[in-house]
C-alpha cells in the first residue's frame, strides 16, 4: 500500500502554488466568458423574437383589407 504525503497549504512547493494561482485565474476567466455567452445568447433570442413579431405583424397586415377598400361606397 502506498503512503500519501499530506502537505499543509503553507508547505506547498512553489510550482504547485503557481499552478493553483493559474488555475484560479483560468476559472475566473471561464466564469466571465460563460456570463458573456449567456448574455449574448439572451440578446440573440430577443432578436429572433422581435423578427418573428415583425413577420407576424406583416402577415397580419397583409390579410387585413386596406382602409381604402373597406370604406362603403355610395351607389346613387
N, C-alpha and C. Protein backbone atom coordinates (compact mmCIF):
# COMPACT_ATOMS: atom_id res chain seq x y z
N UNK A 1 0.84 -1.17 0.00
CA UNK A 1 0.00 0.00 0.00
C UNK A 1 0.88 1.24 0.00
N UNK A 2 0.52 2.20 -0.87
CA UNK A 2 1.32 3.41 -0.98
C UNK A 2 0.95 4.39 0.11
N UNK A 3 1.93 5.08 0.62
CA UNK A 3 1.68 6.13 1.60
C UNK A 3 1.63 7.47 0.86
N UNK A 4 0.65 8.26 1.20
CA UNK A 4 0.49 9.58 0.59
C UNK A 4 1.07 10.63 1.52
N UNK A 5 1.83 11.52 0.94
CA UNK A 5 2.33 12.64 1.73
C UNK A 5 1.23 13.67 1.85
N UNK A 6 0.96 14.08 3.03
CA UNK A 6 -0.02 15.12 3.26
C UNK A 6 0.74 16.41 3.56
N UNK A 7 0.63 17.34 2.62
CA UNK A 7 1.30 18.62 2.84
C UNK A 7 0.27 19.65 3.24
N UNK A 8 0.63 20.49 4.10
CA UNK A 8 -0.24 21.57 4.52
C UNK A 8 -0.15 22.69 3.50
N UNK A 9 -1.23 23.51 3.36
CA UNK A 9 -1.24 24.57 2.35
C UNK A 9 -0.02 25.49 2.41
N UNK A 10 0.50 25.77 3.54
CA UNK A 10 1.65 26.65 3.67
C UNK A 10 2.95 26.01 3.24
N UNK A 11 2.96 24.71 3.09
CA UNK A 11 4.19 24.00 2.76
C UNK A 11 4.22 23.47 1.32
N UNK A 12 3.34 23.97 0.47
CA UNK A 12 3.32 23.53 -0.92
C UNK A 12 4.58 23.96 -1.63
N UNK A 13 4.94 23.20 -2.65
CA UNK A 13 6.05 23.60 -3.49
C UNK A 13 5.62 24.87 -4.23
N UNK A 14 6.58 25.65 -4.65
CA UNK A 14 6.27 26.89 -5.36
C UNK A 14 5.54 26.59 -6.67
N UNK A 15 5.92 25.53 -7.37
CA UNK A 15 5.26 25.19 -8.63
C UNK A 15 3.79 24.83 -8.40
N UNK A 16 3.47 24.16 -7.33
CA UNK A 16 2.08 23.84 -7.01
C UNK A 16 1.31 25.11 -6.71
N UNK A 17 1.95 26.02 -5.99
CA UNK A 17 1.31 27.30 -5.66
C UNK A 17 1.05 28.11 -6.93
N UNK A 18 2.03 28.14 -7.82
CA UNK A 18 1.85 28.86 -9.08
C UNK A 18 0.75 28.22 -9.92
N UNK A 19 0.70 26.89 -9.92
CA UNK A 19 -0.35 26.20 -10.66
C UNK A 19 -1.72 26.52 -10.09
N UNK A 20 -1.81 26.57 -8.78
CA UNK A 20 -3.07 26.91 -8.12
C UNK A 20 -3.52 28.31 -8.52
N UNK A 21 -2.60 29.26 -8.53
CA UNK A 21 -2.92 30.64 -8.92
C UNK A 21 -3.39 30.66 -10.37
N UNK A 22 -2.66 29.94 -11.26
CA UNK A 22 -3.01 29.90 -12.67
C UNK A 22 -4.40 29.28 -12.87
N UNK A 23 -4.67 28.19 -12.17
CA UNK A 23 -5.97 27.53 -12.31
C UNK A 23 -7.11 28.40 -11.79
N UNK A 24 -6.88 29.10 -10.70
CA UNK A 24 -7.90 30.02 -10.19
C UNK A 24 -8.16 31.15 -11.18
N UNK A 25 -7.08 31.61 -11.79
CA UNK A 25 -7.22 32.66 -12.81
C UNK A 25 -8.02 32.14 -14.00
N UNK A 26 -7.74 30.93 -14.43
CA UNK A 26 -8.47 30.32 -15.54
C UNK A 26 -9.94 30.16 -15.20
N UNK A 27 -10.22 29.76 -13.98
CA UNK A 27 -11.61 29.60 -13.55
C UNK A 27 -12.34 30.93 -13.65
N UNK A 28 -11.72 31.99 -13.18
CA UNK A 28 -12.34 33.32 -13.25
C UNK A 28 -12.56 33.74 -14.70
N UNK A 29 -11.57 33.45 -15.56
CA UNK A 29 -11.71 33.77 -16.98
C UNK A 29 -12.90 33.02 -17.58
N UNK A 30 -13.00 31.73 -17.31
CA UNK A 30 -14.09 30.93 -17.88
C UNK A 30 -15.44 31.34 -17.31
N UNK A 31 -15.48 31.75 -16.06
CA UNK A 31 -16.74 32.25 -15.48
C UNK A 31 -17.18 33.51 -16.21
N UNK A 32 -16.24 34.42 -16.45
CA UNK A 32 -16.55 35.66 -17.15
C UNK A 32 -16.98 35.36 -18.59
N UNK A 33 -16.28 34.45 -19.24
CA UNK A 33 -16.62 34.07 -20.61
C UNK A 33 -18.01 33.44 -20.65
N UNK A 34 -18.33 32.62 -19.68
CA UNK A 34 -19.64 31.99 -19.60
C UNK A 34 -20.75 33.03 -19.45
N UNK A 35 -20.52 34.02 -18.61
CA UNK A 35 -21.50 35.10 -18.44
C UNK A 35 -21.69 35.87 -19.74
N UNK A 36 -20.58 36.12 -20.43
CA UNK A 36 -20.66 36.82 -21.72
C UNK A 36 -21.52 36.02 -22.70
N UNK A 37 -21.27 34.71 -22.79
CA UNK A 37 -22.03 33.87 -23.71
C UNK A 37 -23.51 33.79 -23.32
N UNK A 38 -23.79 33.76 -22.03
CA UNK A 38 -25.19 33.76 -21.59
C UNK A 38 -25.88 35.04 -22.02
N UNK A 39 -25.19 36.17 -21.83
CA UNK A 39 -25.76 37.46 -22.22
C UNK A 39 -25.95 37.52 -23.73
N UNK A 40 -24.95 37.09 -24.47
CA UNK A 40 -25.03 37.08 -25.93
C UNK A 40 -26.19 36.20 -26.40
N UNK A 41 -26.36 35.06 -25.79
CA UNK A 41 -27.45 34.15 -26.13
C UNK A 41 -28.80 34.81 -25.87
N UNK A 42 -28.93 35.51 -24.76
CA UNK A 42 -30.18 36.19 -24.44
C UNK A 42 -30.49 37.26 -25.47
N UNK A 43 -29.48 38.01 -25.90
CA UNK A 43 -29.67 39.05 -26.91
C UNK A 43 -30.12 38.43 -28.22
N UNK A 44 -29.49 37.34 -28.61
CA UNK A 44 -29.86 36.67 -29.86
C UNK A 44 -31.30 36.16 -29.79
N UNK A 45 -31.68 35.60 -28.66
CA UNK A 45 -33.06 35.12 -28.52
C UNK A 45 -34.06 36.26 -28.62
N UNK A 46 -33.73 37.42 -28.04
CA UNK A 46 -34.62 38.58 -28.13
C UNK A 46 -34.71 39.07 -29.57
N UNK A 47 -33.59 39.07 -30.27
CA UNK A 47 -33.58 39.50 -31.67
C UNK A 47 -34.44 38.57 -32.52
N UNK A 48 -34.34 37.28 -32.30
CA UNK A 48 -35.16 36.32 -33.03
C UNK A 48 -36.64 36.54 -32.74
N UNK A 49 -36.97 36.77 -31.47
CA UNK A 49 -38.36 37.01 -31.09
C UNK A 49 -38.90 38.28 -31.76
N UNK A 50 -38.09 39.33 -31.80
CA UNK A 50 -38.52 40.57 -32.45
C UNK A 50 -38.74 40.37 -33.94
N UNK A 51 -37.84 39.64 -34.58
CA UNK A 51 -38.02 39.36 -36.02
C UNK A 51 -39.29 38.57 -36.27
N UNK A 52 -39.57 37.60 -35.40
CA UNK A 52 -40.79 36.81 -35.54
C UNK A 52 -42.03 37.68 -35.35
N UNK A 53 -41.98 38.60 -34.39
CA UNK A 53 -43.10 39.51 -34.16
C UNK A 53 -43.33 40.39 -35.38
N UNK A 54 -42.25 40.91 -35.96
CA UNK A 54 -42.38 41.76 -37.15
C UNK A 54 -42.96 40.97 -38.32
N UNK A 55 -42.50 39.75 -38.51
CA UNK A 55 -43.01 38.91 -39.60
C UNK A 55 -44.49 38.61 -39.39
N UNK A 56 -44.88 38.32 -38.17
CA UNK A 56 -46.28 38.05 -37.85
C UNK A 56 -47.12 39.29 -38.11
N UNK A 57 -46.62 40.46 -37.71
CA UNK A 57 -47.36 41.70 -37.92
C UNK A 57 -47.52 41.99 -39.41
N UNK A 58 -46.48 41.72 -40.21
CA UNK A 58 -46.57 41.95 -41.65
C UNK A 58 -47.61 41.02 -42.28
N UNK A 59 -47.61 39.76 -41.88
CA UNK A 59 -48.60 38.83 -42.41
C UNK A 59 -50.02 39.23 -42.01
N UNK A 60 -50.16 39.68 -40.79
CA UNK A 60 -51.47 40.09 -40.30
C UNK A 60 -51.95 41.33 -41.07
N UNK A 61 -51.02 42.26 -41.34
CA UNK A 61 -51.37 43.48 -42.07
C UNK A 61 -51.77 43.15 -43.52
N UNK A 62 -51.13 42.15 -44.11
CA UNK A 62 -51.46 41.76 -45.48
C UNK A 62 -52.84 41.13 -45.56
N UNK A 63 -53.23 40.42 -44.53
CA UNK A 63 -54.53 39.74 -44.52
C UNK A 63 -55.68 40.72 -44.33
N UNK A 64 -55.44 41.83 -43.64
CA UNK A 64 -56.49 42.81 -43.40
C UNK A 64 -56.66 43.67 -44.65
N UNK A 65 -57.91 43.97 -45.01
CA UNK A 65 -58.12 44.84 -46.18
C UNK A 65 -57.64 46.25 -45.87
N UNK A 66 -57.17 46.93 -46.89
CA UNK A 66 -56.69 48.29 -46.67
C UNK A 66 -57.86 49.20 -46.37
N UNK A 67 -57.61 50.36 -45.81
CA UNK A 67 -58.68 51.27 -45.40
C UNK A 67 -59.45 51.80 -46.61
N UNK A 68 -58.79 51.93 -47.77
CA UNK A 68 -59.47 52.40 -48.98
C UNK A 68 -60.51 51.39 -49.44
N UNK A 69 -60.18 50.14 -49.36
CA UNK A 69 -61.10 49.10 -49.83
C UNK A 69 -62.20 48.79 -48.83
N UNK A 70 -62.02 49.13 -47.59
CA UNK A 70 -63.01 48.77 -46.59
C UNK A 70 -64.10 49.82 -46.42
N UNK A 71 -63.94 51.02 -47.00
CA UNK A 71 -64.95 52.05 -46.87
C UNK A 71 -66.16 51.70 -47.75
N UNK A 72 -67.35 51.84 -47.23
CA UNK A 72 -68.53 51.56 -48.06
C UNK A 72 -68.67 52.64 -49.14
N UNK A 73 -69.02 52.23 -50.35
CA UNK A 73 -69.17 53.18 -51.45
C UNK A 73 -70.63 53.55 -51.57
N UNK A 74 -70.90 54.83 -51.89
CA UNK A 74 -72.26 55.30 -52.12
C UNK A 74 -72.65 54.98 -53.56
N UNK A 75 -73.70 54.27 -53.68
CA UNK A 75 -74.20 53.98 -55.02
C UNK A 75 -75.49 54.75 -55.21
N UNK A 76 -75.53 55.75 -56.06
CA UNK A 76 -76.70 56.58 -56.29
C UNK A 76 -77.20 56.45 -57.68
